[in-house]
Amino acid sequence: MTDTTQPTTATAKPKGDRWQHKELESTLKSPAITRVTEAGGLYGVVKRLKDGSASVWFRWRFRHGGKLVDFTAGSWPGDSLATIRQAHEWAQSEVKAGRNPNATRQLSKVQEAQTQAEQIRIHEKETVEALALKWQSVELTKRVSGEQETGRFDNGVELIRSFTKDVFPAIGSKPVQAVTKTDCLHILNSVKERGALRMANRLLNDLTQFFNWCRVMGYITTSPLEDVRRKHVGGKATPRDRVLWDVSPTTTQPEAELQELHSRLPSARLQRESELTIWILLSTMARVGEIAKAQWKDVDLTKGVWFLPETKNGKAHHIHLSAFALRHFRELHTLTGSSQWVLPGRNTRKDGTPADHVCPKSLAKQFGDRQERDTPMSGRTKATGTLALPGGKWTPHDLRRTGATIMAHLGVSVDIIEKALNHTPANSLIAVYQTASRFQEQQVAWDKLGQHLDWVLSGKQSNVVALPQKLSA
């Protein structure tokens, strides 16, 4: 005989006035429960899925315009019980004010959709150049709040200069949403064709950051450079081996470039601080970022020691100052000693004192601009070409490599040079060996370097036939 009995259904109430998550979850394990209620007139219709799980659509019934109307407050567990009750309370306040909460909610959705559509229309008109300048203002401009520092040291000036040269002429007036991967690769390939592979990689990095910002801010949904990597542009960066004395393979006077640099400096229109920085970098083999961020409290002009509390490898470093280096540091102190910074920046505090140190990139730019033979750019030095040397373009880091190479030429052992450069040895045993009481040997090496630089720049040296081995720095 067939059982025609209908399954039992039931409405459940909480033990108190309101449901708690665990209590509701436990109650719904009974398949008979099809409806739940709680204080305030809130009720829920139970929906069961094939996998046995259940959800509850909570509603509230109210009277409006002489009719009974249901308001959906939310679906549990997708919406929390707290969120559902907030919606319920809001609906009650709407009814008390004489409004239909369903109509209010629908109007809000329409207005939100209109706002989004308007934003899309605005974003469609936003050009690459306009957004790049906005990005510079919002993200790249340096700001300090307490101990937190954001932005770039140069406020994004160098990036905008790069964009002005290579990006804006191609896509500056184009809506950012219309920019394609092909557009970007065309720009990057144009830089590659000039042989500027490092610049192409740097531009790829800056463009990637720019488009990622545009995506986060809602101007675009995906970046046109999303899957473009360095290997598609400039490739893996190859180490530079530029040394400022390698004029030609057959030169009989390898130090000629240092002499030429020395003789050219007066016509380069550099500030004296920048001139002194060149010789300090060369004689200490420090990184440009280390001299840019140096503070006078870390430079002992009496003992002749420069302490670097923060370096690239994360380890503190001491540099012995030779007579050559000390002489240039002391002159620099007469120019900037009133500041905490060895090389103070242009930004000042309310009391007129420098707010920060010079940007490392600005130093490189000063030297680089004076090696270009093109027509001077607006706002940049007119002394173009004054620091161009026979061996090709040089950078502040090449001064570090040059100092290391001179040391090797003077017979200093490689491990002492590596220690003086503050390189981290790959072999842990070598690291232990180099740490053990070797500062005296480094002092001797730095003194040899300083004496040699004095000798070279005095112009009294005789011709030297053999070129030294180039060292990585």
Protein backbone atom coordinates (compact mmCIF):
# COMPACT_ATOMS: atom_id res chain seq x y z
CA MET A 1 0.00 0.00 0.00
CA THR A 2 1.44 3.43 -1.04
CA ASP A 3 2.10 6.00 1.71
CA THR A 4 0.37 9.25 0.66
CA THR A 5 1.20 11.17 3.85
CA GLN A 6 2.61 14.67 3.07
CA PRO A 7 5.99 15.51 4.72
CA THR A 8 5.64 17.50 7.89
CA THR A 9 6.57 21.20 7.64
CA ALA A 10 7.19 23.54 10.52
CA THR A 11 8.06 27.10 11.45
CA ALA A 12 10.90 27.53 13.93
CA LYS A 13 11.51 30.32 16.44
CA PRO A 14 14.71 31.14 18.32
CA LYS A 15 15.05 30.52 22.04
CA GLY A 16 15.31 34.26 22.59
CA ASP A 17 14.08 37.18 20.50
CA ARG A 18 16.69 36.74 17.77
CA TRP A 19 18.46 33.93 16.01
CA GLN A 20 22.15 33.28 16.64
CA HIS A 21 24.24 31.84 13.84
CA LYS A 22 24.95 28.46 15.47
CA GLU A 23 21.38 28.06 16.71
CA LEU A 24 19.97 28.73 13.25
CA GLU A 25 22.51 26.41 11.66
CA SER A 26 21.56 23.61 14.08
CA THR A 27 17.81 24.18 13.65
CA LEU A 28 17.99 23.93 9.87
CA LYS A 29 19.44 20.43 10.07
CA SER A 30 15.83 19.27 10.44
CA PRO A 31 14.35 18.91 6.93
CA ALA A 32 10.92 19.70 8.33
CA ILE A 33 11.81 23.34 8.96
CA THR A 34 10.63 25.44 6.02
CA ARG A 35 10.18 28.79 7.71
CA VAL A 36 11.78 30.72 10.59
CA THR A 37 10.67 33.83 12.43
CA GLU A 38 12.05 36.23 15.02
CA ALA A 39 10.99 39.35 16.91
CA GLY A 40 10.06 42.46 14.95
CA GLY A 41 8.12 40.65 12.25
CA LEU A 42 11.20 39.36 10.42
CA TYR A 43 10.63 35.96 8.86
CA GLY A 44 12.64 33.68 6.63
CA VAL A 45 11.80 31.18 3.91
CA VAL A 46 14.11 28.16 3.90
CA LYS A 47 15.58 27.05 0.55
CA ARG A 48 17.23 23.63 0.47
CA LEU A 49 19.82 22.54 -2.11
CA LYS A 50 20.54 19.07 -3.48
CA ASP A 51 23.72 18.80 -1.41
CA GLY A 52 21.66 19.12 1.78
CA SER A 53 22.70 22.68 2.62
CA ALA A 54 20.13 25.34 3.32
CA SER A 55 19.78 29.09 2.91
CA VAL A 56 17.20 31.43 4.38
CA TRP A 57 15.68 34.39 2.56
CA PHE A 58 14.65 36.88 5.25
CA ARG A 59 11.74 39.17 4.53
CA TRP A 60 9.60 41.72 6.34
CA ARG A 61 5.97 42.37 5.51
CA PHE A 62 4.62 45.90 5.75
CA ARG A 63 1.59 47.85 4.58
CA HIS A 64 1.98 50.61 2.00
CA GLY A 65 -0.75 52.30 -0.01
CA GLY A 66 -3.36 50.03 1.50
CA LYS A 67 -1.53 46.87 0.39
CA LEU A 68 0.68 44.30 2.10
CA VAL A 69 4.18 44.33 0.59
CA ASP A 70 7.25 42.15 1.28
CA PHE A 71 10.73 43.64 1.72
CA THR A 72 13.71 41.28 1.25
CA ALA A 73 16.29 42.01 3.95
CA GLY A 74 18.91 39.51 2.77
CA SER A 75 19.88 35.88 2.35
CA TRP A 76 21.65 33.92 5.12
CA PRO A 77 24.40 32.68 5.28
CA GLY A 78 25.55 34.80 2.33
CA ASP A 79 24.55 37.87 4.34
CA SER A 80 25.26 37.91 8.05
CA LEU A 81 22.35 38.09 10.49
CA ALA A 82 23.63 41.50 11.62
CA THR A 83 23.53 42.83 8.03
CA ILE A 84 20.03 41.42 7.53
CA ARG A 85 18.77 43.12 10.69
CA GLN A 86 20.34 46.43 9.65
CA ALA A 87 18.42 46.23 6.37
CA HIS A 88 15.24 45.37 8.31
CA GLU A 89 15.66 48.37 10.63
CA TRP A 90 16.33 50.65 7.65
CA ALA A 91 13.15 49.43 5.94
CA GLN A 92 11.14 50.10 9.11
CA SER A 93 12.49 53.67 9.25
CA GLU A 94 11.54 54.19 5.60
CA VAL A 95 7.96 53.06 6.26
CA LYS A 96 7.72 55.34 9.31
CA ALA A 97 8.79 58.21 7.04
CA GLY A 98 5.99 57.33 4.63
CA ARG A 99 8.23 55.83 1.95
CA ASN A 100 8.27 52.42 0.30
CA PRO A 101 11.70 50.88 1.07
CA ASN A 102 11.52 48.76 -2.10
CA ALA A 103 11.07 51.89 -4.22
CA THR A 104 13.86 53.69 -2.35
CA ARG A 105 16.20 50.75 -2.87
CA GLN A 106 15.37 50.55 -6.58
CA LEU A 107 15.94 54.29 -7.01
CA SER A 108 19.32 53.94 -5.27
CA LYS A 109 20.32 51.15 -7.67
CA VAL A 110 19.32 53.26 -10.67
CA GLN A 111 21.31 56.24 -9.37
CA GLU A 112 24.34 54.02 -8.69
CA ALA A 113 24.16 52.61 -12.22
CA GLN A 114 23.93 56.14 -13.62
CA THR A 115 26.95 57.21 -11.56
CA GLN A 116 28.96 54.23 -12.79
CA ALA A 117 27.96 54.95 -16.38
CA GLU A 118 29.02 58.57 -15.96
CA GLN A 119 32.35 57.46 -14.49
CA ILE A 120 32.87 55.17 -17.46
CA ARG A 121 32.15 58.06 -19.85
CA ILE A 122 34.61 60.25 -17.95
CA HIS A 123 37.25 57.51 -17.89
CA GLU A 124 36.81 56.95 -21.61
CA LYS A 125 37.91 60.54 -22.17
CA GLU A 126 40.89 60.42 -19.76
CA THR A 127 44.06 60.55 -21.83
CA VAL A 128 47.36 58.89 -21.03
CA GLU A 129 49.14 62.21 -20.53
CA ALA A 130 46.44 63.62 -18.22
CA LEU A 131 46.43 60.48 -16.10
CA ALA A 132 50.23 60.28 -15.98
CA LEU A 133 50.34 63.81 -14.58
CA LYS A 134 47.59 62.90 -12.11
CA TRP A 135 49.57 59.79 -11.11
CA GLN A 136 52.62 61.96 -10.53
CA SER A 137 50.63 64.33 -8.33
CA VAL A 138 48.87 61.62 -6.32
CA GLU A 139 51.46 58.84 -6.05
CA LEU A 140 54.92 60.03 -7.11
CA THR A 141 55.12 63.33 -5.28
CA LYS A 142 57.10 62.81 -2.11
CA ARG A 143 55.15 63.06 1.15
CA VAL A 144 56.19 62.40 4.74
CA SER A 145 53.67 61.52 7.45
CA GLY A 146 55.31 60.68 10.74
CA GLU A 147 57.83 57.94 9.98
CA GLN A 148 56.07 56.91 6.76
CA GLU A 149 57.45 58.24 3.50
CA THR A 150 55.75 57.85 0.13
CA GLY A 151 56.48 58.95 -3.42
CA ARG A 152 59.78 59.31 -5.26
CA PHE A 153 62.78 61.36 -4.22
CA ASP A 154 62.50 63.58 -7.32
CA ASN A 155 58.67 63.76 -7.17
CA GLY A 156 58.46 61.80 -10.42
CA VAL A 157 60.16 64.53 -12.46
CA GLU A 158 62.57 62.13 -14.19
CA LEU A 159 59.74 59.73 -15.04
CA ILE A 160 57.62 62.48 -16.59
CA ARG A 161 60.68 63.65 -18.55
CA SER A 162 61.06 60.10 -19.88
CA PHE A 163 57.35 59.89 -20.74
CA THR A 164 57.51 63.30 -22.44
CA LYS A 165 60.32 62.05 -24.65
CA ASP A 166 59.04 58.59 -25.59
CA VAL A 167 55.45 57.99 -24.44
CA PHE A 168 53.39 61.16 -24.84
CA PRO A 169 54.27 61.75 -28.53
CA ALA A 170 52.92 58.27 -29.33
CA ILE A 171 49.90 57.81 -27.02
CA GLY A 172 49.72 60.92 -24.82
CA SER A 173 46.47 62.16 -26.38
CA LYS A 174 44.96 58.68 -26.59
CA PRO A 175 42.24 57.63 -24.09
CA VAL A 176 43.87 55.24 -21.64
CA GLN A 177 41.15 52.65 -22.27
CA ALA A 178 42.09 52.59 -25.94
CA VAL A 179 45.80 51.85 -25.39
CA THR A 180 46.81 48.39 -26.64
CA LYS A 181 49.75 46.11 -26.05
CA THR A 182 50.86 46.87 -29.60
CA ASP A 183 50.97 50.61 -28.78
CA CYS A 184 53.20 49.96 -25.77
CA LEU A 185 55.52 47.54 -27.56
CA HIS A 186 55.93 50.03 -30.41
CA ILE A 187 57.15 52.64 -27.88
CA LEU A 188 59.49 50.19 -26.16
CA ASN A 189 60.85 48.88 -29.47
CA SER A 190 61.61 52.45 -30.56
CA VAL A 191 63.78 52.85 -27.46
CA LYS A 192 65.45 49.49 -28.20
CA GLU A 193 66.24 50.61 -31.74
CA ARG A 194 68.28 53.47 -30.27
CA GLY A 195 70.38 50.82 -28.53
CA ALA A 196 69.13 51.95 -25.10
CA LEU A 197 68.24 48.53 -23.69
CA ARG A 198 68.54 49.62 -20.07
CA MET A 199 66.30 52.59 -20.77
CA ALA A 200 63.79 50.27 -22.45
CA ASN A 201 63.69 48.09 -19.33
CA ARG A 202 63.31 51.13 -17.08
CA LEU A 203 60.51 52.51 -19.26
CA LEU A 204 58.76 49.12 -19.18
CA ASN A 205 58.89 49.19 -15.39
CA ASP A 206 57.50 52.74 -15.21
CA LEU A 207 54.74 52.05 -17.74
CA THR A 208 53.78 48.86 -15.90
CA GLN A 209 53.44 50.80 -12.64
CA PHE A 210 51.42 53.50 -14.39
CA PHE A 211 48.93 51.11 -15.98
CA ASN A 212 48.61 49.12 -12.75
CA TRP A 213 47.68 52.36 -10.98
CA CYS A 214 45.12 53.10 -13.70
CA ARG A 215 43.63 49.64 -13.17
CA VAL A 216 43.44 50.02 -9.38
CA MET A 217 41.80 53.45 -9.77
CA GLY A 218 39.19 52.02 -12.14
CA TYR A 219 40.27 53.75 -15.35
CA ILE A 220 40.96 50.41 -17.07
CA THR A 221 40.05 46.81 -16.27
CA THR A 222 43.33 45.21 -17.38
CA SER A 223 46.80 46.53 -18.07
CA PRO A 224 48.00 46.39 -21.70
CA LEU A 225 51.38 45.29 -20.30
CA GLU A 226 49.97 42.54 -18.11
CA ASP A 227 52.04 39.73 -19.66
CA VAL A 228 54.99 41.75 -21.01
CA ARG A 229 58.32 41.03 -19.32
CA ARG A 230 61.89 42.30 -19.64
CA LYS A 231 62.79 39.40 -21.92
CA HIS A 232 60.34 40.87 -24.46
CA VAL A 233 61.97 44.31 -24.25
CA GLY A 234 65.54 45.03 -23.20
CA GLY A 235 66.36 41.54 -21.97
CA LYS A 236 68.39 40.72 -18.90
CA ALA A 237 70.58 43.62 -17.85
CA THR A 238 74.23 42.96 -18.63
CA PRO A 239 76.83 44.25 -16.18
CA ARG A 240 78.60 47.43 -17.26
CA ASP A 241 82.38 47.30 -17.47
CA ARG A 242 83.11 50.99 -18.06
CA VAL A 243 86.30 52.17 -16.38
CA LEU A 244 87.42 55.80 -16.61
CA TRP A 245 90.84 55.17 -18.02
CA ASP A 246 90.20 52.57 -20.69
CA VAL A 247 90.61 54.98 -23.60
CA SER A 248 91.67 52.37 -26.15
CA PRO A 249 93.35 48.94 -26.15
CA THR A 250 96.63 50.49 -27.28
CA THR A 251 96.76 53.55 -25.03
CA THR A 252 100.09 54.21 -23.32
CA GLN A 253 98.51 56.44 -20.70
CA PRO A 254 95.55 54.62 -19.11
CA GLU A 255 94.87 57.45 -16.66
CA ALA A 256 94.19 59.92 -19.48
CA GLU A 257 90.42 59.94 -18.94
CA LEU A 258 90.72 60.84 -15.27
CA GLN A 259 93.01 63.71 -16.22
CA GLU A 260 90.60 64.82 -18.93
CA LEU A 261 87.65 64.66 -16.53
CA HIS A 262 89.61 66.76 -14.05
CA SER A 263 90.43 69.37 -16.69
CA ARG A 264 86.86 69.48 -18.04
CA LEU A 265 85.08 70.01 -14.70
CA PRO A 266 85.58 73.81 -14.52
CA SER A 267 83.65 74.28 -17.79
CA ALA A 268 80.83 71.89 -16.81
CA ARG A 269 79.04 74.47 -14.64
CA LEU A 270 78.48 71.93 -11.87
CA GLN A 271 77.98 73.07 -8.32
CA ARG A 272 81.16 72.61 -6.32
CA GLU A 273 79.34 70.05 -4.15
CA SER A 274 78.77 67.87 -7.22
CA GLU A 275 82.40 68.20 -8.36
CA LEU A 276 83.62 67.09 -4.93
CA THR A 277 81.17 64.18 -5.01
CA ILE A 278 82.86 62.79 -8.13
CA TRP A 279 86.23 62.53 -6.37
CA ILE A 280 84.70 61.22 -3.14
CA LEU A 281 82.90 58.45 -5.05
CA LEU A 282 86.10 57.56 -6.89
CA SER A 283 88.33 57.53 -3.80
CA THR A 284 85.92 55.73 -1.45
CA MET A 285 84.28 53.40 -4.01
CA ALA A 286 80.94 54.16 -2.35
CA ARG A 287 77.63 53.81 -4.16
CA VAL A 288 75.96 57.01 -5.32
CA GLY A 289 72.97 56.30 -3.08
CA GLU A 290 75.28 56.02 -0.10
CA ILE A 291 76.86 59.44 -0.58
CA ALA A 292 73.46 60.97 -1.41
CA LYS A 293 71.95 59.72 1.87
CA ALA A 294 75.04 60.30 4.02
CA GLN A 295 74.77 62.40 7.19
CA TRP A 296 77.60 64.41 8.70
CA LYS A 297 77.17 62.66 12.06
CA ASP A 298 78.48 59.51 10.35
CA VAL A 299 81.57 61.17 8.86
CA ASP A 300 84.43 61.49 11.36
CA LEU A 301 86.73 64.11 9.86
CA THR A 302 89.14 63.74 12.79
CA LYS A 303 89.66 59.98 12.62
CA GLY A 304 89.10 59.85 8.88
CA VAL A 305 86.31 57.26 8.90
CA TRP A 306 82.96 57.30 7.13
CA PHE A 307 80.34 55.04 8.73
CA LEU A 308 77.53 53.71 6.52
CA PRO A 309 74.74 52.39 8.78
CA GLU A 310 72.58 51.25 5.85
CA THR A 311 73.94 49.71 2.67
CA LYS A 312 72.65 47.70 -0.28
CA ASN A 313 73.46 44.34 1.34
CA GLY A 314 71.89 45.37 4.64
CA LYS A 315 75.21 45.41 6.51
CA ALA A 316 76.83 48.44 8.12
CA HIS A 317 80.12 49.44 6.51
CA HIS A 318 83.14 51.55 7.51
CA ILE A 319 85.20 53.38 4.89
CA HIS A 320 88.68 54.65 5.72
CA LEU A 321 89.21 58.12 4.28
CA SER A 322 92.56 58.53 2.56
CA ALA A 323 94.22 61.94 2.59
CA PHE A 324 92.72 62.48 -0.89
CA ALA A 325 89.18 61.58 0.23
CA LEU A 326 89.48 63.47 3.51
CA ARG A 327 90.60 66.63 1.72
CA HIS A 328 87.51 66.58 -0.50
CA PHE A 329 85.19 65.71 2.40
CA ARG A 330 86.55 68.63 4.44
CA GLU A 331 85.97 71.08 1.61
CA LEU A 332 82.46 69.70 1.20
CA HIS A 333 81.89 70.22 4.93
CA THR A 334 82.64 73.93 4.54
CA LEU A 335 79.77 74.08 2.02
CA THR A 336 77.13 71.83 3.61
CA GLY A 337 78.29 71.33 7.20
CA SER A 338 75.39 73.40 8.57
CA SER A 339 72.99 70.70 7.34
CA GLN A 340 72.58 67.21 8.75
CA TRP A 341 73.03 65.92 5.19
CA VAL A 342 76.36 65.68 3.41
CA LEU A 343 74.49 66.53 0.20
CA PRO A 344 71.27 68.36 1.17
CA GLY A 345 68.35 68.50 -1.24
CA ARG A 346 66.50 71.59 -2.44
CA ASN A 347 63.33 71.11 -0.35
CA THR A 348 63.43 73.10 2.88
CA ARG A 349 61.58 73.10 6.19
CA LYS A 350 59.75 76.15 7.55
CA ASP A 351 62.94 77.26 9.31
CA GLY A 352 64.82 77.21 6.00
CA THR A 353 66.94 74.12 6.72
CA PRO A 354 67.10 71.31 4.13
CA ALA A 355 64.24 68.84 4.60
CA ASP A 356 65.99 65.94 2.93
CA HIS A 357 69.10 64.74 1.12
CA VAL A 358 69.75 65.09 -2.59
CA CYS A 359 68.15 62.51 -4.86
CA PRO A 360 70.71 59.95 -6.15
CA LYS A 361 69.13 60.13 -9.60
CA SER A 362 69.62 63.89 -9.74
CA LEU A 363 73.37 63.40 -9.35
CA ALA A 364 73.42 60.87 -12.18
CA LYS A 365 71.30 63.26 -14.26
CA GLN A 366 73.70 66.17 -13.66
CA PHE A 367 76.64 64.11 -14.92
CA GLY A 368 74.64 62.50 -17.74
CA ASP A 369 73.26 65.78 -19.12
CA ARG A 370 76.80 67.08 -19.50
CA GLN A 371 77.77 64.10 -21.65
CA GLU A 372 74.95 64.62 -24.19
CA ARG A 373 75.94 66.54 -27.29
CA ASP A 374 72.37 67.36 -28.34
CA THR A 375 70.71 70.76 -28.00
CA PRO A 376 70.05 71.49 -24.30
CA MET A 377 66.53 70.75 -23.06
CA SER A 378 64.47 73.52 -21.48
CA GLY A 379 65.32 73.89 -17.80
CA ARG A 380 68.42 71.69 -18.10
CA THR A 381 72.11 72.54 -18.29
CA LYS A 382 73.47 74.37 -21.32
CA ALA A 383 76.90 72.83 -20.69
CA THR A 384 76.11 69.77 -22.80
CA GLY A 385 79.05 67.66 -23.92
CA THR A 386 81.45 69.17 -21.39
CA LEU A 387 81.93 65.89 -19.50
CA ALA A 388 81.88 63.57 -22.52
CA LEU A 389 84.99 61.38 -22.46
CA PRO A 390 86.75 59.34 -25.19
CA GLY A 391 85.81 56.00 -23.63
CA GLY A 392 82.09 56.70 -23.87
CA LYS A 393 79.34 57.56 -21.45
CA TRP A 394 80.11 57.11 -17.75
CA THR A 395 77.90 56.97 -14.66
CA PRO A 396 78.48 57.49 -10.92
CA HIS A 397 78.65 53.71 -10.51
CA ASP A 398 81.47 53.57 -13.06
CA LEU A 399 83.53 55.69 -10.64
CA ARG A 400 83.12 52.93 -8.05
CA ARG A 401 84.28 50.33 -10.58
CA THR A 402 87.18 52.54 -11.61
CA GLY A 403 88.37 52.86 -8.01
CA ALA A 404 88.25 49.07 -7.58
CA THR A 405 90.14 48.54 -10.83
CA ILE A 406 92.86 50.99 -9.78
CA MET A 407 93.25 49.10 -6.51
CA ALA A 408 93.75 45.85 -8.43
CA HIS A 409 96.30 47.57 -10.66
CA LEU A 410 98.16 48.68 -7.52
CA GLY A 411 98.45 45.09 -6.30
CA VAL A 412 95.61 44.99 -3.76
CA SER A 413 94.21 41.46 -3.41
CA VAL A 414 90.73 40.78 -4.76
CA ASP A 415 89.32 39.75 -1.37
CA ILE A 416 90.40 43.07 0.17
CA ILE A 417 88.87 44.98 -2.75
CA GLU A 418 85.63 43.00 -2.37
CA LYS A 419 85.57 43.85 1.32
CA ALA A 420 86.25 47.52 0.60
CA LEU A 421 83.34 47.45 -1.87
CA ASN A 422 81.18 45.89 0.87
CA HIS A 423 80.30 42.97 -1.39
CA THR A 424 78.78 39.91 0.25
CA PRO A 425 80.85 36.79 -0.58
CA ALA A 426 78.85 33.88 -1.98
CA ASN A 427 80.99 31.44 0.04
CA SER A 428 80.29 31.54 3.79
CA LEU A 429 83.90 30.52 4.61
CA ILE A 430 85.21 33.46 2.61
CA ALA A 431 82.76 35.71 4.47
CA VAL A 432 84.14 34.58 7.83
CA TYR A 433 87.72 35.04 6.60
CA GLN A 434 87.04 38.55 5.30
CA THR A 435 85.37 39.59 8.54
CA ALA A 436 88.37 38.66 10.68
CA SER A 437 90.53 41.73 11.35
CA ARG A 438 90.95 42.96 7.77
CA PHE A 439 90.13 46.63 8.17
CA GLN A 440 93.82 47.55 8.45
CA GLU A 441 94.45 45.98 5.06
CA GLN A 442 91.52 47.92 3.65
CA GLN A 443 92.97 51.12 5.12
CA VAL A 444 96.22 50.47 3.27
CA ALA A 445 94.25 49.80 0.06
CA TRP A 446 92.25 53.05 0.33
CA ASP A 447 95.44 55.00 1.06
CA LYS A 448 97.10 53.48 -2.02
CA LEU A 449 94.08 54.49 -4.09
CA GLY A 450 94.12 58.05 -2.72
CA GLN A 451 97.86 58.45 -3.31
CA HIS A 452 97.48 57.17 -6.85
CA LEU A 453 94.66 59.64 -7.58
CA ASP A 454 96.79 62.50 -6.28
CA TRP A 455 99.61 61.24 -8.51
CA VAL A 456 97.37 60.94 -11.58
CA LEU A 457 95.70 64.33 -11.20
CA SER A 458 98.99 66.08 -10.55
CA GLY A 459 100.01 65.23 -14.12
CA LYS A 460 103.46 64.07 -13.04
CA GLN A 461 103.11 60.37 -13.80
CA SER A 462 105.00 58.66 -16.58
CA ASN A 463 103.40 56.60 -19.28
CA VAL A 464 102.06 53.19 -18.27
CA VAL A 465 101.66 50.58 -20.97
CA ALA A 466 99.66 47.75 -19.35
CA LEU A 467 95.94 48.22 -18.88
CA PRO A 468 94.53 46.91 -15.59
CA GLN A 469 92.00 44.15 -15.22
CA LYS A 470 88.44 45.49 -14.93
CA LEU A 471 86.61 44.56 -11.76
CA SER A 472 82.89 44.25 -11.14
CA ALA A 473 81.51 46.83 -8.73
